[in-house]
C-alpha atoms as a PDB file:
ATOM      1  CA  UNK A   1       0.000   0.000   0.000  1.00  0.00           C
ATOM      2  CA  UNK A   2       1.288   3.459  -0.893  1.00  0.00           C
ATOM      3  CA  UNK A   3       2.100   5.879   1.926  1.00  0.00           C
ATOM      4  CA  UNK A   4       0.560   8.835   0.121  1.00  0.00           C
ATOM      5  CA  UNK A   5      -2.664   8.554  -1.851  1.00  0.00           C
ATOM      6  CA  UNK A   6      -1.860  11.807  -3.657  1.00  0.00           C
ATOM      7  CA  UNK A   7       1.523  13.409  -4.385  1.00  0.00           C
ATOM      8  CA  UNK A   8       1.938  16.490  -6.559  1.00  0.00           C
ATOM      9  CA  UNK A   9       4.996  18.563  -7.397  1.00  0.00           C
ATOM     10  CA  UNK A  10       4.622  22.067  -8.894  1.00  0.00           C
ATOM     11  CA  UNK A  11       1.435  21.030 -10.683  1.00  0.00           C
ATOM     12  CA  UNK A  12       0.296  23.586 -13.277  1.00  0.00           C
ATOM     13  CA  UNK A  13      -2.728  23.960 -15.535  1.00  0.00           C
ATOM     14  CA  UNK A  14      -3.251  26.992 -17.775  1.00  0.00           C
ATOM     15  CA  UNK A  15      -6.370  28.110 -19.641  1.00  0.00           C
ATOM     16  CA  UNK A  16      -5.357  30.899 -22.001  1.00  0.00           C
ATOM     17  CA  UNK A  17      -3.911  33.645 -19.789  1.00  0.00           C
ATOM     18  CA  UNK A  18      -5.282  32.116 -16.566  1.00  0.00           C
ATOM     19  CA  UNK A  19      -3.155  29.826 -14.382  1.00  0.00           C
ATOM     20  CA  UNK A  20      -6.046  27.849 -12.919  1.00  0.00           C
ATOM     21  CA  UNK A  21      -3.615  25.637 -10.994  1.00  0.00           C
ATOM     22  CA  UNK A  22      -0.382  27.424 -10.213  1.00  0.00           C
ATOM     23  CA  UNK A  23       2.465  25.274  -8.914  1.00  0.00           C
ATOM     24  CA  UNK A  24       0.628  23.129  -6.366  1.00  0.00           C
ATOM     25  CA  UNK A  25       2.775  20.724  -4.338  1.00  0.00           C
ATOM     26  CA  UNK A  26       1.122  18.557  -1.703  1.00  0.00           C
ATOM     27  CA  UNK A  27       0.958  15.103  -0.154  1.00  0.00           C
ATOM     28  CA  UNK A  28      -2.214  13.465   1.138  1.00  0.00           C
ATOM     29  CA  UNK A  29      -1.621  10.414   3.359  1.00  0.00           C
ATOM     30  CA  UNK A  30      -3.444   7.195   2.489  1.00  0.00           C
ATOM     31  CA  UNK A  31      -6.545   6.695   4.630  1.00  0.00           C
ATOM     32  CA  UNK A  32      -7.031  10.399   5.400  1.00  0.00           C
ATOM     33  CA  UNK A  33     -10.136  12.516   4.852  1.00  0.00           C
ATOM     34  CA  UNK A  34      -8.719  15.522   3.006  1.00  0.00           C
ATOM     35  CA  UNK A  35     -10.671  18.751   2.610  1.00  0.00           C
ATOM     36  CA  UNK A  36      -9.790  21.029  -0.306  1.00  0.00           C
ATOM     37  CA  UNK A  37     -11.065  24.512   0.515  1.00  0.00           C
ATOM     38  CA  UNK A  38     -11.296  27.676  -1.527  1.00  0.00           C
ATOM     39  CA  UNK A  39     -13.676  30.293  -2.941  1.00  0.00           C
ATOM     40  CA  UNK A  40     -15.427  29.895  -6.293  1.00  0.00           C
ATOM     41  CA  UNK A  41     -12.929  29.903  -9.154  1.00  0.00           C
ATOM     42  CA  UNK A  42     -10.005  29.032  -6.881  1.00  0.00           C
ATOM     43  CA  UNK A  43      -9.026  25.939  -8.893  1.00  0.00           C
ATOM     44  CA  UNK A  44     -10.530  23.155  -6.779  1.00  0.00           C
ATOM     45  CA  UNK A  45     -12.420  21.327  -9.523  1.00  0.00           C
ATOM     46  CA  UNK A  46      -9.569  21.820 -12.013  1.00  0.00           C
ATOM     47  CA  UNK A  47      -7.183  20.221  -9.517  1.00  0.00           C
ATOM     48  CA  UNK A  48      -9.553  17.297  -9.075  1.00  0.00           C
ATOM     49  CA  UNK A  49      -9.810  16.774 -12.832  1.00  0.00           C
ATOM     50  CA  UNK A  50      -6.022  16.891 -13.185  1.00  0.00           C
ATOM     51  CA  UNK A  51      -5.658  14.218 -10.516  1.00  0.00           C
ATOM     52  CA  UNK A  52      -8.138  12.018 -12.363  1.00  0.00           C
ATOM     53  CA  UNK A  53      -6.257  12.438 -15.632  1.00  0.00           C
ATOM     54  CA  UNK A  54      -9.240  14.157 -17.243  1.00  0.00           C
ATOM     55  CA  UNK A  55      -7.095  17.224 -17.984  1.00  0.00           C
ATOM     56  CA  UNK A  56      -3.473  17.346 -19.064  1.00  0.00           C
ATOM     57  CA  UNK A  57      -0.826  19.015 -16.946  1.00  0.00           C
ATOM     58  CA  UNK A  58       0.952  22.042 -18.388  1.00  0.00           C
ATOM     59  CA  UNK A  59       3.769  21.623 -15.894  1.00  0.00           C
ATOM     60  CA  UNK A  60       4.914  19.667 -12.877  1.00  0.00           C
ATOM     61  CA  UNK A  61       3.863  16.138 -11.976  1.00  0.00           C
ATOM     62  CA  UNK A  62       1.301  14.219  -9.958  1.00  0.00           C
ATOM     63  CA  UNK A  63       0.826  10.672  -8.766  1.00  0.00           C
ATOM     64  CA  UNK A  64      -2.418   9.200  -7.474  1.00  0.00           C
ATOM     65  CA  UNK A  65      -2.246   5.849  -5.629  1.00  0.00           C
ATOM     66  CA  UNK A  66       1.242   5.550  -7.063  1.00  0.00           C
ATOM     67  CA  UNK A  67       0.062   6.008 -10.666  1.00  0.00           C
ATOM     68  CA  UNK A  68       1.321   8.850 -12.854  1.00  0.00           C
ATOM     69  CA  UNK A  69      -1.569  11.085 -14.007  1.00  0.00           C
ATOM     70  CA  UNK A  70       0.137  11.725 -17.345  1.00  0.00           C
ATOM     71  CA  UNK A  71       0.674   8.090 -18.370  1.00  0.00           C
ATOM     72  CA  UNK A  72      -1.527   5.915 -16.138  1.00  0.00           C
ATOM     73  CA  UNK A  73      -4.838   7.795 -15.976  1.00  0.00           C
ATOM     74  CA  UNK A  74      -6.870   4.664 -16.790  1.00  0.00           C
ATOM     75  CA  UNK A  75      -5.407   2.870 -13.759  1.00  0.00           C
ATOM     76  CA  UNK A  76      -6.200   5.869 -11.567  1.00  0.00           C
ATOM     77  CA  UNK A  77      -9.841   5.887 -12.634  1.00  0.00           C
ATOM     78  CA  UNK A  78     -10.059   2.120 -12.155  1.00  0.00           C
ATOM     79  CA  UNK A  79      -9.010   2.396  -8.501  1.00  0.00           C
ATOM     80  CA  UNK A  80     -10.885   5.579  -7.552  1.00  0.00           C
ATOM     81  CA  UNK A  81     -14.504   6.557  -7.061  1.00  0.00           C
ATOM     82  CA  UNK A  82     -15.853   9.923  -8.169  1.00  0.00           C
ATOM     83  CA  UNK A  83     -18.773  12.222  -7.462  1.00  0.00           C
ATOM     84  CA  UNK A  84     -18.512  15.424  -9.499  1.00  0.00           C
ATOM     85  CA  UNK A  85     -20.907  18.408  -9.629  1.00  0.00           C
ATOM     86  CA  UNK A  86     -23.575  16.348 -11.404  1.00  0.00           C
ATOM     87  CA  UNK A  87     -24.673  13.168  -9.636  1.00  0.00           C
ATOM     88  CA  UNK A  88     -24.665  11.331 -12.986  1.00  0.00           C
ATOM     89  CA  UNK A  89     -27.502   9.006 -11.986  1.00  0.00           C
ATOM     90  CA  UNK A  90     -29.843   7.504 -14.596  1.00  0.00           C
ATOM     91  CA  UNK A  91     -33.303   8.906 -13.915  1.00  0.00           C
ATOM     92  CA  UNK A  92     -35.162   6.082 -15.674  1.00  0.00           C
ATOM     93  CA  UNK A  93     -33.545   3.413 -13.519  1.00  0.00           C
ATOM     94  CA  UNK A  94     -34.292   2.470  -9.942  1.00  0.00           C
ATOM     95  CA  UNK A  95     -31.835   3.031  -7.128  1.00  0.00           C
ATOM     96  CA  UNK A  96     -30.816  -0.626  -7.217  1.00  0.00           C
ATOM     97  CA  UNK A  97     -30.508  -0.755 -10.999  1.00  0.00           C
ATOM     98  CA  UNK A  98     -28.302   2.356 -11.046  1.00  0.00           C
ATOM     99  CA  UNK A  99     -25.853   0.631  -8.718  1.00  0.00           C
ATOM    100  CA  UNK A 100     -26.174  -2.733 -10.421  1.00  0.00           C
ATOM    101  CA  UNK A 101     -25.331  -1.201 -13.784  1.00  0.00           C
ATOM    102  CA  UNK A 102     -22.257   0.515 -12.359  1.00  0.00           C
ATOM    103  CA  UNK A 103     -21.198  -2.740 -10.700  1.00  0.00           C
ATOM    104  CA  UNK A 104     -21.265  -4.409 -14.107  1.00  0.00           C
ATOM    105  CA  UNK A 105     -19.152  -1.596 -15.530  1.00  0.00           C
ATOM    106  CA  UNK A 106     -16.571  -2.398 -12.844  1.00  0.00           C
ATOM    107  CA  UNK A 107     -16.862  -6.149 -13.673  1.00  0.00           C
ATOM    108  CA  UNK A 108     -18.021  -7.124 -10.195  1.00  0.00           C
ATOM    109  CA  UNK A 109     -19.319 -10.733 -10.099  1.00  0.00           C
ATOM    110  CA  UNK A 110     -23.130 -10.959  -9.657  1.00  0.00           C
ATOM    111  CA  UNK A 111     -23.131 -12.240  -6.064  1.00  0.00           C
ATOM    112  CA  UNK A 112     -20.452  -9.808  -4.934  1.00  0.00           C
ATOM    113  CA  UNK A 113     -22.338  -7.015  -6.669  1.00  0.00           C
ATOM    114  CA  UNK A 114     -25.615  -7.875  -4.911  1.00  0.00           C
ATOM    115  CA  UNK A 115     -23.993  -8.122  -1.484  1.00  0.00           C
ATOM    116  CA  UNK A 116     -22.137  -4.840  -1.916  1.00  0.00           C
ATOM    117  CA  UNK A 117     -25.232  -2.952  -3.087  1.00  0.00           C
ATOM    118  CA  UNK A 118     -27.245  -4.187  -0.127  1.00  0.00           C
ATOM    119  CA  UNK A 119     -24.433  -3.342   2.302  1.00  0.00           C
ATOM    120  CA  UNK A 120     -24.139   0.252   1.070  1.00  0.00           C
ATOM    121  CA  UNK A 121     -27.867   0.936   0.791  1.00  0.00           C
ATOM    122  CA  UNK A 122     -28.521  -0.445   4.268  1.00  0.00           C
ATOM    123  CA  UNK A 123     -25.746   1.666   5.709  1.00  0.00           C
ATOM    124  CA  UNK A 124     -27.094   4.768   3.979  1.00  0.00           C
ATOM    125  CA  UNK A 125     -30.684   4.042   5.016  1.00  0.00           C
ATOM    126  CA  UNK A 126     -31.854   3.496   1.436  1.00  0.00           C
ATOM    127  CA  UNK A 127     -32.466  -0.247   1.252  1.00  0.00           C
ATOM    128  CA  UNK A 128     -36.242   0.232   1.533  1.00  0.00           C
ATOM    129  CA  UNK A 129     -36.070   2.658  -1.411  1.00  0.00           C
ATOM    130  CA  UNK A 130     -34.049   0.345  -3.653  1.00  0.00           C
ATOM    131  CA  UNK A 131     -36.922  -0.133  -6.124  1.00  0.00           C
ATOM    132  CA  UNK A 132     -37.801   3.555  -6.337  1.00  0.00           C
ATOM    133  CA  UNK A 133     -37.049   5.487  -9.499  1.00  0.00           C
ATOM    134  CA  UNK A 134     -34.210   7.938  -8.918  1.00  0.00           C
ATOM    135  CA  UNK A 135     -36.379  10.816 -10.164  1.00  0.00           C
ATOM    136  CA  UNK A 136     -38.700  10.288  -7.174  1.00  0.00           C
ATOM    137  CA  UNK A 137     -35.935  10.749  -4.598  1.00  0.00           C
ATOM    138  CA  UNK A 138     -35.089  13.920  -2.700  1.00  0.00           C
ATOM    139  CA  UNK A 139     -31.823  15.657  -3.542  1.00  0.00           C
ATOM    140  CA  UNK A 140     -30.290  14.345  -0.332  1.00  0.00           C
ATOM    141  CA  UNK A 141     -31.228  10.768  -1.190  1.00  0.00           C
ATOM    142  CA  UNK A 142     -29.859  11.171  -4.718  1.00  0.00           C
ATOM    143  CA  UNK A 143     -26.562  12.350  -3.281  1.00  0.00           C
ATOM    144  CA  UNK A 144     -26.429   9.298  -1.041  1.00  0.00           C
ATOM    145  CA  UNK A 145     -27.030   7.019  -4.030  1.00  0.00           C
ATOM    146  CA  UNK A 146     -24.250   8.832  -5.906  1.00  0.00           C
ATOM    147  CA  UNK A 147     -21.900   8.347  -2.940  1.00  0.00           C
ATOM    148  CA  UNK A 148     -22.824   4.647  -2.843  1.00  0.00           C
ATOM    149  CA  UNK A 149     -22.037   4.390  -6.546  1.00  0.00           C
ATOM    150  CA  UNK A 150     -18.640   6.024  -6.007  1.00  0.00           C
ATOM    151  CA  UNK A 151     -17.829   3.505  -3.246  1.00  0.00           C
ATOM    152  CA  UNK A 152     -19.356   0.460  -4.932  1.00  0.00           C
ATOM    153  CA  UNK A 153     -16.127  -1.134  -6.178  1.00  0.00           C
ATOM    154  CA  UNK A 154     -14.302  -0.483  -2.888  1.00  0.00           C
ATOM    155  CA  UNK A 155     -11.932   2.155  -4.291  1.00  0.00           C
ATOM    156  CA  UNK A 156      -8.788   3.080  -2.393  1.00  0.00           C
ATOM    157  CA  UNK A 157      -9.559   6.763  -3.000  1.00  0.00           C
ATOM    158  CA  UNK A 158     -12.818   8.608  -3.575  1.00  0.00           C
ATOM    159  CA  UNK A 159     -13.169  12.149  -4.957  1.00  0.00           C
ATOM    160  CA  UNK A 160     -16.251  14.045  -3.775  1.00  0.00           C
ATOM    161  CA  UNK A 161     -16.817  17.465  -5.344  1.00  0.00           C
ATOM    162  CA  UNK A 162     -19.170  19.527  -3.139  1.00  0.00           C
ATOM    163  CA  UNK A 163     -21.260  16.486  -2.101  1.00  0.00           C
ATOM    164  CA  UNK A 164     -23.501  18.461   0.276  1.00  0.00           C
ATOM    165  CA  UNK A 165     -24.108  21.428  -2.051  1.00  0.00           C
ATOM    166  CA  UNK A 166     -27.796  22.304  -2.242  1.00  0.00           C
ATOM    167  CA  UNK A 167     -28.801  20.018   0.617  1.00  0.00           C
ATOM    168  CA  UNK A 168     -30.803  21.201   3.597  1.00  0.00           C
ATOM    169  CA  UNK A 169     -28.876  21.248   6.912  1.00  0.00           C
ATOM    170  CA  UNK A 170     -30.345  17.947   8.158  1.00  0.00           C
ATOM    171  CA  UNK A 171     -29.560  16.097   4.917  1.00  0.00           C
ATOM    172  CA  UNK A 172     -26.065  17.629   4.806  1.00  0.00           C
ATOM    173  CA  UNK A 173     -25.265  16.465   8.342  1.00  0.00           C
ATOM    174  CA  UNK A 174     -26.556  12.952   7.595  1.00  0.00           C
ATOM    175  CA  UNK A 175     -24.509  12.704   4.405  1.00  0.00           C
ATOM    176  CA  UNK A 176     -21.391  13.990   6.174  1.00  0.00           C
ATOM    177  CA  UNK A 177     -21.743  11.349   8.876  1.00  0.00           C
ATOM    178  CA  UNK A 178     -22.270   8.638   6.257  1.00  0.00           C
ATOM    179  CA  UNK A 179     -19.131   9.660   4.368  1.00  0.00           C
ATOM    180  CA  UNK A 180     -17.092   9.769   7.551  1.00  0.00           C
ATOM    181  CA  UNK A 181     -18.334   6.391   8.785  1.00  0.00           C
ATOM    182  CA  UNK A 182     -17.823   4.650   5.440  1.00  0.00           C
ATOM    183  CA  UNK A 183     -14.335   6.099   5.066  1.00  0.00           C
ATOM    184  CA  UNK A 184     -13.305   4.945   8.543  1.00  0.00           C
ATOM    185  CA  UNK A 185     -14.821   1.487   8.197  1.00  0.00           C
ATOM    186  CA  UNK A 186     -13.312   0.758   4.791  1.00  0.00           C
ATOM    187  CA  UNK A 187     -10.023   2.634   5.087  1.00  0.00           C
ATOM    188  CA  UNK A 188     -10.842   4.728   2.029  1.00  0.00           C
ATOM    189  CA  UNK A 189      -8.980   7.978   1.387  1.00  0.00           C
ATOM    190  CA  UNK A 190     -11.440  10.830   0.764  1.00  0.00           C
ATOM    191  CA  UNK A 191     -10.630  13.925  -1.298  1.00  0.00           C
ATOM    192  CA  UNK A 192     -13.422  16.365  -0.491  1.00  0.00           C
ATOM    193  CA  UNK A 193     -13.876  19.756  -2.133  1.00  0.00           C
ATOM    194  CA  UNK A 194     -16.265  21.927  -0.167  1.00  0.00           C
ATOM    195  CA  UNK A 195     -17.375  25.461   0.688  1.00  0.00           C
ATOM    196  CA  UNK A 196     -18.735  24.192   3.996  1.00  0.00           C
ATOM    197  CA  UNK A 197     -15.950  25.006   6.446  1.00  0.00           C
ATOM    198  CA  UNK A 198     -17.871  23.636   9.425  1.00  0.00           C
ATOM    199  CA  UNK A 199     -18.175  20.352   7.527  1.00  0.00           C
ATOM    200  CA  UNK A 200     -14.446  20.274   6.826  1.00  0.00           C
ATOM    201  CA  UNK A 201     -13.582  21.129  10.422  1.00  0.00           C
ATOM    202  CA  UNK A 202     -15.666  18.241  11.749  1.00  0.00           C
ATOM    203  CA  UNK A 203     -14.596  15.400   9.494  1.00  0.00           C
ATOM    204  CA  UNK A 204     -11.256  16.222   7.843  1.00  0.00           C
ATOM    205  CA  UNK A 205      -7.871  14.995   9.082  1.00  0.00           C
ATOM    206  CA  UNK A 206      -6.066  17.384   6.741  1.00  0.00           C
ATOM    207  CA  UNK A 207      -7.134  20.478   4.791  1.00  0.00           C
ATOM    208  CA  UNK A 208      -5.607  22.415   1.930  1.00  0.00           C
ATOM    209  CA  UNK A 209      -6.564  26.025   1.209  1.00  0.00           C
ATOM    210  CA  UNK A 210      -6.362  27.264  -2.379  1.00  0.00           C
ATOM    211  CA  UNK A 211      -6.822  30.737  -3.875  1.00  0.00           C
ATOM    212  CA  UNK A 212      -6.307  31.707  -7.516  1.00  0.00           C
ATOM    213  CA  UNK A 213      -4.683  28.352  -8.204  1.00  0.00           C
ATOM    214  CA  UNK A 214      -2.123  28.629  -5.416  1.00  0.00           C
ATOM    215  CA  UNK A 215      -1.968  26.449  -2.318  1.00  0.00           C
ATOM    216  CA  UNK A 216      -1.897  28.777   0.679  1.00  0.00           C
ATOM    217  CA  UNK A 217      -1.801  26.194   3.452  1.00  0.00           C
ATOM    218  CA  UNK A 218      -1.750  22.449   4.053  1.00  0.00           C
ATOM    219  CA  UNK A 219      -2.331  21.348   7.651  1.00  0.00           C
ATOM    220  CA  UNK A 220      -4.664  19.669  10.108  1.00  0.00           C
ATOM    221  CA  UNK A 221      -7.690  21.882  10.887  1.00  0.00           C
ATOM    222  CA  UNK A 222      -6.474  22.419  14.449  1.00  0.00           C
ATOM    223  CA  UNK A 223      -3.006  23.484  13.255  1.00  0.00           C
ATOM    224  CA  UNK A 224      -4.506  25.869  10.727  1.00  0.00           C
ATOM    225  CA  UNK A 225      -6.735  27.411  13.380  1.00  0.00           C
ATOM    226  CA  UNK A 226      -3.843  27.870  15.787  1.00  0.00           C
ATOM    227  CA  UNK A 227      -1.434  29.278  13.205  1.00  0.00           C
ATOM    228  CA  UNK A 228      -3.781  31.861  11.721  1.00  0.00           C
ATOM    229  CA  UNK A 229      -6.630  32.529  14.122  1.00  0.00           C
ATOM    230  CA  UNK A 230      -4.526  32.701  17.259  1.00  0.00           C
ATOM    231  CA  UNK A 231      -6.214  32.472  20.632  1.00  0.00           C
ATOM    232  CA  UNK A 232      -9.185  34.289  22.119  1.00  0.00           C
ATOM    233  CA  UNK A 233      -9.091  35.029  25.857  1.00  0.00           C
ATOM    234  CA  UNK A 234     -12.203  36.149  27.741  1.00  0.00           C
ATOM    235  CA  UNK A 235     -11.923  37.942  31.078  1.00  0.00           C
ATOM    236  CA  UNK A 236     -14.723  38.724  33.540  1.00  0.00           C
ATOM    237  CA  UNK A 237     -14.082  41.402  36.163  1.00  0.00           C
ATOM    238  CA  UNK A 238     -13.917  45.111  36.944  1.00  0.00           C
ATOM    239  CA  UNK A 239     -11.614  47.953  35.912  1.00  0.00           C
ATOM    240  CA  UNK A 240     -11.328  47.467  32.146  1.00  0.00           C
ATOM    241  CA  UNK A 241     -10.627  51.144  31.458  1.00  0.00           C
ATOM    242  CA  UNK A 242      -9.431  52.749  28.227  1.00  0.00           C
ATOM    243  CA  UNK A 243      -5.834  53.108  29.514  1.00  0.00           C
ATOM    244  CA  UNK A 244      -5.840  49.376  30.235  1.00  0.00           C
ATOM    245  CA  UNK A 245      -7.030  48.661  26.693  1.00  0.00           C
ATOM    246  CA  UNK A 246      -4.314  50.935  25.306  1.00  0.00           C
ATOM    247  CA  UNK A 247      -1.656  49.047  27.295  1.00  0.00           C
ATOM    248  CA  UNK A 248      -2.964  45.707  26.037  1.00  0.00           C
ATOM    249  CA  UNK A 249      -3.094  46.801  22.401  1.00  0.00           C
ATOM    250  CA  UNK A 250       0.498  48.043  22.633  1.00  0.00           C
ATOM    251  CA  UNK A 251       1.692  44.479  23.263  1.00  0.00           C
ATOM    252  CA  UNK A 252       3.172  42.958  20.068  1.00  0.00           C
ATOM    253  CA  UNK A 253       1.258  39.676  20.426  1.00  0.00           C
ATOM    254  CA  UNK A 254      -2.184  41.282  20.983  1.00  0.00           C
ATOM    255  CA  UNK A 255      -4.281  41.652  17.836  1.00  0.00           C
ATOM    256  CA  UNK A 256      -7.258  43.361  19.459  1.00  0.00           C
ATOM    257  CA  UNK A 257      -8.929  44.043  22.801  1.00  0.00           C
ATOM    258  CA  UNK A 258     -12.584  44.959  23.281  1.00  0.00           C
ATOM    259  CA  UNK A 259     -14.741  45.598  26.338  1.00  0.00           C
ATOM    260  CA  UNK A 260     -18.478  45.117  26.860  1.00  0.00           C
ATOM    261  CA  UNK A 261     -19.539  45.884  30.425  1.00  0.00           C
ATOM    262  CA  UNK A 262     -17.612  43.602  32.766  1.00  0.00           C
ATOM    263  CA  UNK A 263     -16.322  41.424  29.889  1.00  0.00           C
ATOM    264  CA  UNK A 264     -12.944  41.831  28.174  1.00  0.00           C
ATOM    265  CA  UNK A 265     -12.074  39.899  25.016  1.00  0.00           C
ATOM    266  CA  UNK A 266      -8.465  39.756  23.821  1.00  0.00           C
ATOM    267  CA  UNK A 267      -7.364  38.257  20.483  1.00  0.00           C
ATOM    268  CA  UNK A 268      -3.828  36.909  20.662  1.00  0.00           C
ATOM    269  CA  UNK A 269      -1.472  36.403  17.738  1.00  0.00           C
ATOM    270  CA  UNK A 270       1.514  34.065  17.647  1.00  0.00           C
ATOM    271  CA  UNK A 271       3.700  34.122  20.715  1.00  0.00           C
ATOM    272  CA  UNK A 272       0.937  35.385  22.973  1.00  0.00           C
ATOM    273  CA  UNK A 273       0.729  34.034  26.509  1.00  0.00           C
ATOM    274  CA  UNK A 274      -2.206  34.283  28.891  1.00  0.00           C
ATOM    275  CA  UNK A 275      -0.042  34.631  32.050  1.00  0.00           C
ATOM    276  CA  UNK A 276       1.494  37.822  30.644  1.00  0.00           C
ATOM    277  CA  UNK A 277      -1.971  39.269  30.091  1.00  0.00           C
ATOM    278  CA  UNK A 278      -3.075  38.389  33.608  1.00  0.00           C
ATOM    279  CA  UNK A 279       0.104  39.915  35.095  1.00  0.00           C
ATOM    280  CA  UNK A 280      -0.400  43.162  33.165  1.00  0.00           C
ATOM    281  CA  UNK A 281      -4.061  43.438  34.133  1.00  0.00           C
ATOM    282  CA  UNK A 282      -3.308  42.833  37.809  1.00  0.00           C
ATOM    283  CA  UNK A 283      -0.535  45.424  37.624  1.00  0.00           C
ATOM    284  CA  UNK A 284      -3.068  47.914  36.236  1.00  0.00           C
ATOM    285  CA  UNK A 285      -5.385  47.301  39.177  1.00  0.00           C
ATOM    286  CA  UNK A 286      -7.961  45.218  37.299  1.00  0.00           C
ATOM    287  CA  UNK A 287     -10.089  42.843  39.367  1.00  0.00           C
ATOM    288  CA  UNK A 288     -10.248  39.492  37.514  1.00  0.00           C
ATOM    289  CA  UNK A 289     -13.069  37.094  38.386  1.00  0.00           C
ATOM    290  CA  UNK A 290     -12.822  34.536  35.569  1.00  0.00           C
ATOM    291  CA  UNK A 291     -10.549  33.700  32.617  1.00  0.00           C
ATOM    292  CA  UNK A 292     -11.553  31.530  29.639  1.00  0.00           C
ATOM    293  CA  UNK A 293      -9.276  30.616  26.744  1.00  0.00           C
ATOM    294  CA  UNK A 294     -10.400  29.394  23.359  1.00  0.00           C
ATOM    295  CA  UNK A 295      -9.247  28.994  19.758  1.00  0.00           C
ATOM    296  CA  UNK A 296     -10.741  30.529  16.651  1.00  0.00           C
ATOM    297  CA  UNK A 297     -12.753  28.493  14.134  1.00  0.00           C
ATOM    298  CA  UNK A 298     -11.569  27.082  10.824  1.00  0.00           C
ATOM    299  CA  UNK A 299     -13.794  29.656   9.130  1.00  0.00           C
ATOM    300  CA  UNK A 300     -11.895  32.476  10.867  1.00  0.00           C
ATOM    301  CA  UNK A 301      -8.591  30.899   9.866  1.00  0.00           C
ATOM    302  CA  UNK A 302      -9.797  30.595   6.262  1.00  0.00           C
ATOM    303  CA  UNK A 303     -10.862  34.251   6.104  1.00  0.00           C
ATOM    304  CA  UNK A 304      -7.533  35.333   7.619  1.00  0.00           C
ATOM    305  CA  UNK A 305      -5.608  33.356   4.997  1.00  0.00           C
ATOM    306  CA  UNK A 306      -7.658  34.901   2.180  1.00  0.00           C
ATOM    307  CA  UNK A 307      -7.105  38.420   3.516  1.00  0.00           C
ATOM    308  CA  UNK A 308      -3.388  37.968   4.139  1.00  0.00           C
ATOM    309  CA  UNK A 309      -2.850  36.488   0.681  1.00  0.00           C
ATOM    310  CA  UNK A 310      -4.760  39.333  -0.961  1.00  0.00           C
ATOM    311  CA  UNK A 311      -2.708  41.919   0.934  1.00  0.00           C
ATOM    312  CA  UNK A 312       0.488  40.261  -0.311  1.00  0.00           C
ATOM    313  CA  UNK A 313      -0.755  40.474  -3.863  1.00  0.00           C
ATOM    314  CA  UNK A 314      -1.840  36.847  -4.219  1.00  0.00           C
ATOM    315  CA  UNK A 315       1.467  35.128  -3.608  1.00  0.00           C
ATOM    316  CA  UNK A 316       1.234  31.572  -2.298  1.00  0.00           C
ATOM    317  CA  UNK A 317       2.643  30.393   0.995  1.00  0.00           C
ATOM    318  CA  UNK A 318       5.288  27.752   1.329  1.00  0.00           C
END
């Protein structure tokens, strides 16, 4: 088994004057749930299509499951499952027949095909709807059928492009849990493109952030939060005067300090330490009743990365 399901080195794809993918280098460990995050037009879907060998590289290299995308694209598609923007289901076929047809495409023996279809549909709560025409299903159910189809042949890697797009919150949560459970149970690597940062934060082991074709960050969600969002410290007490705020904001590791009544909120950057804040406040005569420390969200980290990259003129981070 390969150590990395995906390995790219300076991967480039150009459309006219636009560098849709601009020198992306990354490694995704086998068995991980990887979230690929970025605004519309960032290059997420183009990257996915390059990794599947559906588009040719204009520069660099990429290997998927050990196969070279330039010369072994057929092998990549044989060992991966895919759900792109369109679910690709056949509306005139039933749920079961959609999966049965795809199982035949993958040359699964009849008995193995039947057992696998039942296993997936039962897990996804769709076994009782197996004889229903796909056109009669809700969007959430259709997405689940499409996920089942992508996992039918037990691929080592599955690509899911915005799988929860357009779903209501309840259906999105259910689908997210199904994807996570199936991935863990079967050891499948998941490459997930999404706008839903809360979704990525909950289920992803590793996330990559892309903007204008450039990879800005590659880290675990917790590492990304800590490195960009810093730490938020909440104080309850008395004596949070303007001079105290001025002293706090003069500290190099304090991003901001705001007061609302008897509550003080301080945003720390890198290198900030809570004991130093407490010592300064006590020195200023502040009465501290409670202190709570917390980290920012992945959404805050994402917004910070976008803003910092834009201020630098769009240059990628190493």
